[in-house]
C-alpha atoms as a PDB file:
ATOM      1  CA  MET A   1      39.712  19.840 151.670  1.00  0.00           C
ATOM      2  CA  MET A   2      37.137  21.765 154.025  1.00  0.00           C
ATOM      3  CA  THR A   3      35.667  24.529 152.456  1.00  0.00           C
ATOM      4  CA  ALA A   4      34.500  28.234 154.411  1.00  0.00           C
ATOM      5  CA  THR A   5      30.716  28.505 155.089  1.00  0.00           C
ATOM      6  CA  ASN A   6      29.401  31.866 155.846  1.00  0.00           C
ATOM      7  CA  THR A   7      26.600  30.826 158.735  1.00  0.00           C
ATOM      8  CA  PRO A   8      26.294  33.460 160.866  1.00  0.00           C
ATOM      9  CA  THR A   9      27.370  32.865 164.509  1.00  0.00           C
ATOM     10  CA  GLU A  10      24.122  33.122 166.912  1.00  0.00           C
ATOM     11  CA  ALA A  11      24.822  36.137 169.749  1.00  0.00           C
ATOM     12  CA  PRO A  12      22.780  34.943 172.406  1.00  0.00           C
ATOM     13  CA  GLN A  13      18.933  36.146 172.822  1.00  0.00           C
ATOM     14  CA  GLN A  14      19.879  37.759 176.163  1.00  0.00           C
ATOM     15  CA  SER A  15      22.259  40.322 174.815  1.00  0.00           C
ATOM     16  CA  GLY A  16      21.904  40.686 171.145  1.00  0.00           C
ATOM     17  CA  ILE A  17      18.853  42.562 169.903  1.00  0.00           C
ATOM     18  CA  VAL A  18      16.227  40.693 169.071  1.00  0.00           C
ATOM     19  CA  GLU A  19      14.993  42.489 166.270  1.00  0.00           C
ATOM     20  CA  SER A  20      11.123  41.858 166.194  1.00  0.00           C
ATOM     21  CA  GLU A  21      11.316  43.425 169.928  1.00  0.00           C
ATOM     22  CA  LEU A  22      13.373  46.120 168.542  1.00  0.00           C
ATOM     23  CA  LEU A  23      10.639  46.749 165.664  1.00  0.00           C
ATOM     24  CA  ASP A  24       7.334  46.284 168.391  1.00  0.00           C
ATOM     25  CA  MET A  25       9.143  48.674 170.593  1.00  0.00           C
ATOM     26  CA  LEU A  26      10.012  51.587 167.547  1.00  0.00           C
ATOM     27  CA  GLN A  27       6.566  50.884 166.533  1.00  0.00           C
ATOM     28  CA  THR A  28       4.601  52.039 169.961  1.00  0.00           C
ATOM     29  CA  LEU A  29       6.973  55.125 170.613  1.00  0.00           C
ATOM     30  CA  ILE A  30       5.464  55.966 166.705  1.00  0.00           C
ATOM     31  CA  ASN A  31       2.085  54.974 167.881  1.00  0.00           C
ATOM     32  CA  ALA A  32       2.082  56.843 171.182  1.00  0.00           C
ATOM     33  CA  HIS A  33       2.950  60.261 168.727  1.00  0.00           C
ATOM     34  CA  CYS A  34       6.751  60.266 170.324  1.00  0.00           C
ATOM     35  CA  GLY A  35       9.568  61.913 168.544  1.00  0.00           C
ATOM     36  CA  LEU A  36      13.335  61.514 167.851  1.00  0.00           C
ATOM     37  CA  SER A  37      14.150  61.897 171.273  1.00  0.00           C
ATOM     38  CA  ALA A  38      12.123  59.113 172.799  1.00  0.00           C
ATOM     39  CA  ILE A  39      14.024  57.091 170.425  1.00  0.00           C
ATOM     40  CA  HIS A  40      17.366  58.851 170.681  1.00  0.00           C
ATOM     41  CA  HIS A  41      16.511  57.665 174.714  1.00  0.00           C
ATOM     42  CA  LEU A  42      15.540  54.197 174.090  1.00  0.00           C
ATOM     43  CA  LEU A  43      18.735  53.695 171.802  1.00  0.00           C
ATOM     44  CA  ASP A  44      21.221  55.777 173.346  1.00  0.00           C
ATOM     45  CA  GLU A  45      24.550  53.955 174.122  1.00  0.00           C
ATOM     46  CA  ALA A  46      21.994  50.778 175.169  1.00  0.00           C
ATOM     47  CA  LYS A  47      24.380  47.526 173.866  1.00  0.00           C
ATOM     48  CA  THR A  48      22.511  45.291 174.828  1.00  0.00           C
ATOM     49  CA  MET A  49      18.865  44.175 174.989  1.00  0.00           C
ATOM     50  CA  PRO A  50      18.368  43.881 178.386  1.00  0.00           C
ATOM     51  CA  GLU A  51      19.160  47.695 178.578  1.00  0.00           C
ATOM     52  CA  ILE A  52      17.263  48.243 175.732  1.00  0.00           C
ATOM     53  CA  ARG A  53      14.063  47.074 177.734  1.00  0.00           C
ATOM     54  CA  THR A  54      14.715  48.401 180.876  1.00  0.00           C
ATOM     55  CA  ARG A  55      15.020  52.179 179.276  1.00  0.00           C
ATOM     56  CA  PHE A  56      11.473  51.524 177.268  1.00  0.00           C
ATOM     57  CA  ALA A  57      10.416  49.104 180.692  1.00  0.00           C
ATOM     58  CA  GLN A  58      10.915  53.132 182.103  1.00  0.00           C
ATOM     59  CA  TRP A  59       9.449  54.560 179.084  1.00  0.00           C
ATOM     60  CA  GLU A  60       6.109  52.645 179.861  1.00  0.00           C
ATOM     61  CA  ALA A  61       5.963  53.818 183.893  1.00  0.00           C
ATOM     62  CA  ASP A  62       6.318  57.195 182.899  1.00  0.00           C
ATOM     63  CA  GLN A  63       3.597  56.674 180.299  1.00  0.00           C
ATOM     64  CA  ARG A  64       1.110  55.434 182.974  1.00  0.00           C
ATOM     65  CA  GLU A  65       1.940  57.841 185.253  1.00  0.00           C
ATOM     66  CA  HIS A  66       1.325  60.551 182.637  1.00  0.00           C
ATOM     67  CA  ASN A  67      -1.788  59.457 181.828  1.00  0.00           C
ATOM     68  CA  ALA A  68      -3.426  58.985 185.552  1.00  0.00           C
END
């Protein structure tokens, strides 16, 4: 008789949320004294990790431009 196991299926890394990477991004926003609006902008309607990475990269570019 086969028994069901509760092992989670792994989502592909390219589209699944990578918790440690997301935490690093959020910590970066916090360290830069950004408010909830920056976090909301990062995550708003983003459904995949690549979308979040793109938004974060844009935020970083904006910060570099602002600080130059």
